[in-house]
Every structure is written in C-alpha cells, then in structure tokens.
PDB file of all heavy atoms in Angstrom:
ATOM      1  N   GLU A   1      -8.880  -1.472 -18.691  1.00  0.00           N
ATOM      2  CA  GLU A   1     -10.038  -1.188 -19.537  1.00  0.00           C
ATOM      3  C   GLU A   1      -9.947  -1.887 -20.891  1.00  0.00           C
ATOM      4  O   GLU A   1     -10.898  -2.533 -21.332  1.00  0.00           O
ATOM      5  CB  GLU A   1     -10.155   0.332 -19.751  1.00  0.00           C
ATOM      6  CG  GLU A   1     -11.349   0.791 -20.576  1.00  0.00           C
ATOM      7  CD  GLU A   1     -12.640   0.787 -19.792  1.00  0.00           C
ATOM      8  OE1 GLU A   1     -12.921   1.774 -19.095  1.00  0.00           O
ATOM      9  OE2 GLU A   1     -13.385  -0.230 -19.881  1.00  0.00           O
ATOM     10  N   LEU A   2      -8.798  -1.780 -21.528  1.00  0.00           N
ATOM     11  CA  LEU A   2      -8.636  -2.414 -22.831  1.00  0.00           C
ATOM     12  C   LEU A   2      -8.675  -3.935 -22.721  1.00  0.00           C
ATOM     13  O   LEU A   2      -9.243  -4.617 -23.573  1.00  0.00           O
ATOM     14  CB  LEU A   2      -7.322  -1.955 -23.478  1.00  0.00           C
ATOM     15  CG  LEU A   2      -7.094  -2.437 -24.917  1.00  0.00           C
ATOM     16  CD1 LEU A   2      -8.206  -1.986 -25.838  1.00  0.00           C
ATOM     17  CD2 LEU A   2      -5.742  -1.949 -25.424  1.00  0.00           C
ATOM     18  N   SER A   3      -8.099  -4.451 -21.652  1.00  0.00           N
ATOM     19  CA  SER A   3      -8.121  -5.899 -21.440  1.00  0.00           C
ATOM     20  C   SER A   3      -9.546  -6.419 -21.332  1.00  0.00           C
ATOM     21  O   SER A   3      -9.904  -7.449 -21.925  1.00  0.00           O
ATOM     22  CB  SER A   3      -7.343  -6.251 -20.170  1.00  0.00           C
ATOM     23  OG  SER A   3      -5.986  -5.855 -20.267  1.00  0.00           O
ATOM     24  N   ARG A   4     -10.380  -5.690 -20.595  1.00  0.00           N
ATOM     25  CA  ARG A   4     -11.746  -6.154 -20.317  1.00  0.00           C
ATOM     26  C   ARG A   4     -12.712  -5.890 -21.480  1.00  0.00           C
ATOM     27  O   ARG A   4     -13.655  -6.653 -21.669  1.00  0.00           O
ATOM     28  CB  ARG A   4     -12.272  -5.456 -19.054  1.00  0.00           C
ATOM     29  CG  ARG A   4     -11.544  -5.877 -17.764  1.00  0.00           C
ATOM     30  CD  ARG A   4     -11.932  -7.286 -17.311  1.00  0.00           C
ATOM     31  NE  ARG A   4     -11.155  -7.756 -16.187  1.00  0.00           N
ATOM     32  CZ  ARG A   4     -11.450  -7.534 -14.910  1.00  0.00           C
ATOM     33  NH1 ARG A   4     -12.491  -6.793 -14.581  1.00  0.00           N
ATOM     34  NH2 ARG A   4     -10.694  -8.037 -13.949  1.00  0.00           N
ATOM     35  N   THR A   5     -12.496  -4.810 -22.221  1.00  0.00           N
ATOM     36  CA  THR A   5     -13.471  -4.469 -23.277  1.00  0.00           C
ATOM     37  C   THR A   5     -13.141  -5.071 -24.633  1.00  0.00           C
ATOM     38  O   THR A   5     -14.046  -5.329 -25.433  1.00  0.00           O
ATOM     39  CB  THR A   5     -13.604  -2.936 -23.447  1.00  0.00           C
ATOM     40  OG1 THR A   5     -12.315  -2.382 -23.724  1.00  0.00           O
ATOM     41  CG2 THR A   5     -14.193  -2.283 -22.227  1.00  0.00           C
ATOM     42  N   GLU A   6     -11.860  -5.290 -24.911  1.00  0.00           N
ATOM     43  CA  GLU A   6     -11.485  -5.780 -26.240  1.00  0.00           C
ATOM     44  C   GLU A   6     -10.707  -7.096 -26.207  1.00  0.00           C
ATOM     45  O   GLU A   6     -10.360  -7.632 -27.263  1.00  0.00           O
ATOM     46  CB  GLU A   6     -10.650  -4.716 -26.966  1.00  0.00           C
ATOM     47  CG  GLU A   6     -11.405  -3.443 -27.299  1.00  0.00           C
ATOM     48  CD  GLU A   6     -12.472  -3.629 -28.373  1.00  0.00           C
ATOM     49  OE1 GLU A   6     -12.431  -4.654 -29.087  1.00  0.00           O
ATOM     50  OE2 GLU A   6     -13.351  -2.751 -28.496  1.00  0.00           O
ATOM     51  N   GLY A   7     -10.385  -7.590 -25.011  1.00  0.00           N
ATOM     52  CA  GLY A   7      -9.589  -8.823 -24.943  1.00  0.00           C
ATOM     53  C   GLY A   7      -8.180  -8.623 -25.416  1.00  0.00           C
ATOM     54  O   GLY A   7      -7.531  -9.555 -25.905  1.00  0.00           O
ATOM     55  N   ILE A   8      -7.657  -7.409 -25.278  1.00  0.00           N
ATOM     56  CA  ILE A   8      -6.290  -7.087 -25.676  1.00  0.00           C
ATOM     57  C   ILE A   8      -5.567  -6.543 -24.450  1.00  0.00           C
ATOM     58  O   ILE A   8      -5.939  -5.505 -23.912  1.00  0.00           O
ATOM     59  CB  ILE A   8      -6.256  -6.031 -26.804  1.00  0.00           C
ATOM     60  CG1 ILE A   8      -6.969  -6.526 -28.047  1.00  0.00           C
ATOM     61  CG2 ILE A   8      -4.812  -5.648 -27.134  1.00  0.00           C
ATOM     62  CD1 ILE A   8      -7.175  -5.459 -29.114  1.00  0.00           C
ATOM     63  N   ILE A   9      -4.517  -7.255 -24.015  1.00  0.00           N
ATOM     64  CA  ILE A   9      -3.711  -6.778 -22.883  1.00  0.00           C
ATOM     65  C   ILE A   9      -2.546  -5.992 -23.471  1.00  0.00           C
ATOM     66  O   ILE A   9      -1.657  -6.564 -24.112  1.00  0.00           O
ATOM     67  CB  ILE A   9      -3.204  -7.962 -22.034  1.00  0.00           C
ATOM     68  CG1 ILE A   9      -4.370  -8.801 -21.510  1.00  0.00           C
ATOM     69  CG2 ILE A   9      -2.355  -7.448 -20.878  1.00  0.00           C
ATOM     70  CD1 ILE A   9      -3.940 -10.079 -20.799  1.00  0.00           C
ATOM     71  N   PRO A  10      -2.523  -4.661 -23.280  1.00  0.00           N
ATOM     72  CA  PRO A  10      -1.473  -3.848 -23.894  1.00  0.00           C
ATOM     73  C   PRO A  10      -0.217  -3.805 -23.024  1.00  0.00           C
ATOM     74  O   PRO A  10      -0.267  -3.998 -21.819  1.00  0.00           O
ATOM     75  CB  PRO A  10      -2.114  -2.469 -23.966  1.00  0.00           C
ATOM     76  CG  PRO A  10      -2.978  -2.409 -22.724  1.00  0.00           C
ATOM     77  CD  PRO A  10      -3.492  -3.833 -22.524  1.00  0.00           C
ATOM     78  N   ALA A  11       0.892  -3.500 -23.632  1.00  0.00           N
ATOM     79  CA  ALA A  11       2.097  -3.174 -22.859  1.00  0.00           C
ATOM     80  C   ALA A  11       1.801  -1.933 -22.017  1.00  0.00           C
ATOM     81  O   ALA A  11       0.998  -1.080 -22.401  1.00  0.00           O
ATOM     82  CB  ALA A  11       3.266  -2.903 -23.793  1.00  0.00           C
ATOM     83  N   LEU A  12       2.482  -1.833 -20.869  1.00  0.00           N
ATOM     84  CA  LEU A  12       2.294  -0.639 -20.028  1.00  0.00           C
ATOM     85  C   LEU A  12       2.673   0.631 -20.769  1.00  0.00           C
ATOM     86  O   LEU A  12       2.075   1.687 -20.559  1.00  0.00           O
ATOM     87  CB  LEU A  12       3.107  -0.774 -18.740  1.00  0.00           C
ATOM     88  CG  LEU A  12       2.566  -1.762 -17.703  1.00  0.00           C
ATOM     89  CD1 LEU A  12       3.525  -1.866 -16.519  1.00  0.00           C
ATOM     90  CD2 LEU A  12       1.169  -1.354 -17.226  1.00  0.00           C
ATOM     91  N   GLU A  13       3.675   0.532 -21.653  1.00  0.00           N
ATOM     92  CA  GLU A  13       4.035   1.684 -22.458  1.00  0.00           C
ATOM     93  C   GLU A  13       2.848   2.110 -23.330  1.00  0.00           C
ATOM     94  O   GLU A  13       2.438   3.273 -23.322  1.00  0.00           O
ATOM     95  CB  GLU A  13       5.242   1.356 -23.356  1.00  0.00           C
ATOM     96  CG  GLU A  13       6.550   1.164 -22.611  1.00  0.00           C
ATOM     97  CD  GLU A  13       6.700  -0.201 -21.953  1.00  0.00           C
ATOM     98  OE1 GLU A  13       5.848  -1.091 -22.209  1.00  0.00           O
ATOM     99  OE2 GLU A  13       7.660  -0.392 -21.184  1.00  0.00           O
ATOM    100  N   SER A  14       2.305   1.156 -24.060  1.00  0.00           N
ATOM    101  CA  SER A  14       1.177   1.443 -24.954  1.00  0.00           C
ATOM    102  C   SER A  14      -0.036   1.942 -24.190  1.00  0.00           C
ATOM    103  O   SER A  14      -0.832   2.730 -24.717  1.00  0.00           O
ATOM    104  CB  SER A  14       0.796   0.178 -25.743  1.00  0.00           C
ATOM    105  OG  SER A  14       1.923  -0.444 -26.305  1.00  0.00           O
ATOM    106  N   ALA A  15      -0.214   1.462 -22.955  1.00  0.00           N
ATOM    107  CA  ALA A  15      -1.376   1.848 -22.155  1.00  0.00           C
ATOM    108  C   ALA A  15      -1.418   3.348 -21.907  1.00  0.00           C
ATOM    109  O   ALA A  15      -2.499   3.926 -21.703  1.00  0.00           O
ATOM    110  CB  ALA A  15      -1.362   1.097 -20.820  1.00  0.00           C
ATOM    111  N   HIS A  16      -0.255   4.014 -21.944  1.00  0.00           N
ATOM    112  CA  HIS A  16      -0.251   5.472 -21.807  1.00  0.00           C
ATOM    113  C   HIS A  16      -0.992   6.122 -22.985  1.00  0.00           C
ATOM    114  O   HIS A  16      -1.778   7.053 -22.803  1.00  0.00           O
ATOM    115  CB  HIS A  16       1.187   5.996 -21.742  1.00  0.00           C
ATOM    116  CG  HIS A  16       1.873   5.731 -20.443  1.00  0.00           C
ATOM    117  ND1 HIS A  16       2.275   4.466 -20.046  1.00  0.00           N
ATOM    118  CD2 HIS A  16       2.235   6.562 -19.422  1.00  0.00           C
ATOM    119  CE1 HIS A  16       2.845   4.539 -18.861  1.00  0.00           C
ATOM    120  NE2 HIS A  16       2.840   5.797 -18.459  1.00  0.00           N
ATOM    121  N   ALA A  17      -0.726   5.620 -24.193  1.00  0.00           N
ATOM    122  CA  ALA A  17      -1.404   6.153 -25.370  1.00  0.00           C
ATOM    123  C   ALA A  17      -2.889   5.813 -25.344  1.00  0.00           C
ATOM    124  O   ALA A  17      -3.732   6.639 -25.710  1.00  0.00           O
ATOM    125  CB  ALA A  17      -0.750   5.595 -26.640  1.00  0.00           C
ATOM    126  N   VAL A  18      -3.209   4.605 -24.908  1.00  0.00           N
ATOM    127  CA  VAL A  18      -4.611   4.194 -24.820  1.00  0.00           C
ATOM    128  C   VAL A  18      -5.361   5.099 -23.846  1.00  0.00           C
ATOM    129  O   VAL A  18      -6.491   5.547 -24.125  1.00  0.00           O
ATOM    130  CB  VAL A  18      -4.714   2.706 -24.369  1.00  0.00           C
ATOM    131  CG1 VAL A  18      -6.177   2.306 -24.184  1.00  0.00           C
ATOM    132  CG2 VAL A  18      -4.037   1.794 -25.388  1.00  0.00           C
ATOM    133  N   ALA A  19      -4.738   5.414 -22.718  1.00  0.00           N
ATOM    134  CA  ALA A  19      -5.367   6.257 -21.706  1.00  0.00           C
ATOM    135  C   ALA A  19      -5.730   7.625 -22.273  1.00  0.00           C
ATOM    136  O   ALA A  19      -6.849   8.130 -22.071  1.00  0.00           O
ATOM    137  CB  ALA A  19      -4.449   6.416 -20.504  1.00  0.00           C
ATOM    138  N   TYR A  20      -4.793   8.214 -22.993  1.00  0.00           N
ATOM    139  CA  TYR A  20      -5.089   9.544 -23.540  1.00  0.00           C
ATOM    140  C   TYR A  20      -6.133   9.447 -24.653  1.00  0.00           C
ATOM    141  O   TYR A  20      -7.006  10.340 -24.768  1.00  0.00           O
ATOM    142  CB  TYR A  20      -3.826  10.239 -24.070  1.00  0.00           C
ATOM    143  CG  TYR A  20      -4.133  11.661 -24.444  1.00  0.00           C
ATOM    144  CD1 TYR A  20      -4.225  12.642 -23.460  1.00  0.00           C
ATOM    145  CD2 TYR A  20      -4.397  12.015 -25.762  1.00  0.00           C
ATOM    146  CE1 TYR A  20      -4.559  13.952 -23.789  1.00  0.00           C
ATOM    147  CE2 TYR A  20      -4.737  13.319 -26.095  1.00  0.00           C
ATOM    148  CZ  TYR A  20      -4.809  14.277 -25.110  1.00  0.00           C
ATOM    149  OH  TYR A  20      -5.149  15.561 -25.435  1.00  0.00           O
ATOM    150  N   ALA A  21      -6.067   8.405 -25.463  1.00  0.00           N
ATOM    151  CA  ALA A  21      -7.045   8.260 -26.547  1.00  0.00           C
ATOM    152  C   ALA A  21      -8.461   8.103 -26.010  1.00  0.00           C
ATOM    153  O   ALA A  21      -9.427   8.653 -26.585  1.00  0.00           O
ATOM    154  CB  ALA A  21      -6.679   7.045 -27.406  1.00  0.00           C
ATOM    155  N   ILE A  22      -8.618   7.385 -24.909  1.00  0.00           N
ATOM    156  CA  ILE A  22      -9.941   7.242 -24.280  1.00  0.00           C
ATOM    157  C   ILE A  22     -10.460   8.596 -23.820  1.00  0.00           C
ATOM    158  O   ILE A  22     -11.621   8.959 -24.049  1.00  0.00           O
ATOM    159  CB  ILE A  22      -9.858   6.250 -23.090  1.00  0.00           C
ATOM    160  CG1 ILE A  22      -9.667   4.816 -23.605  1.00  0.00           C
ATOM    161  CG2 ILE A  22     -11.097   6.347 -22.213  1.00  0.00           C
ATOM    162  CD1 ILE A  22      -9.374   3.800 -22.519  1.00  0.00           C
ATOM    163  N   LYS A  23      -9.580   9.364 -23.187  1.00  0.00           N
ATOM    164  CA  LYS A  23      -9.957  10.702 -22.718  1.00  0.00           C
ATOM    165  C   LYS A  23     -10.324  11.604 -23.897  1.00  0.00           C
ATOM    166  O   LYS A  23     -11.340  12.332 -23.864  1.00  0.00           O
ATOM    167  CB  LYS A  23      -8.774  11.306 -21.945  1.00  0.00           C
ATOM    168  CG  LYS A  23      -9.089  12.599 -21.211  1.00  0.00           C
ATOM    169  CD  LYS A  23      -7.829  13.228 -20.629  1.00  0.00           C
ATOM    170  CE  LYS A  23      -7.047  12.285 -19.748  1.00  0.00           C
ATOM    171  NZ  LYS A  23      -5.859  12.949 -19.135  1.00  0.00           N
ATOM    172  N   LEU A  24      -9.520  11.537 -24.957  1.00  0.00           N
ATOM    173  CA  LEU A  24      -9.754  12.377 -26.130  1.00  0.00           C
ATOM    174  C   LEU A  24     -11.038  11.987 -26.846  1.00  0.00           C
ATOM    175  O   LEU A  24     -11.851  12.858 -27.223  1.00  0.00           O
ATOM    176  CB  LEU A  24      -8.560  12.232 -27.083  1.00  0.00           C
ATOM    177  CG  LEU A  24      -8.631  12.966 -28.418  1.00  0.00           C
ATOM    178  CD1 LEU A  24      -8.682  14.474 -28.215  1.00  0.00           C
ATOM    179  CD2 LEU A  24      -7.434  12.591 -29.296  1.00  0.00           C
ATOM    180  N   ALA A  25     -11.253  10.685 -27.049  1.00  0.00           N
ATOM    181  CA  ALA A  25     -12.418  10.209 -27.787  1.00  0.00           C
ATOM    182  C   ALA A  25     -13.727  10.643 -27.134  1.00  0.00           C
ATOM    183  O   ALA A  25     -14.705  10.961 -27.829  1.00  0.00           O
ATOM    184  CB  ALA A  25     -12.382   8.675 -27.896  1.00  0.00           C
TER     185      ALA A  25
END
C-alpha cells in the first residue's frame, strides 16, 4: 500500500507500524 500510494518502499519491520497506523487513522 505504501509503495503504491506514496512511492515509498518501507522495510518489512517498518511496515508493521504502517499497517497499524492505517487501521488507526
């Protein structure tokens, strides 16, 4: 999701935080 919407490929570690932030937001 982050790769496609913002052009930012996150580390798999960071993607855990991104996943929860999307749910929370």
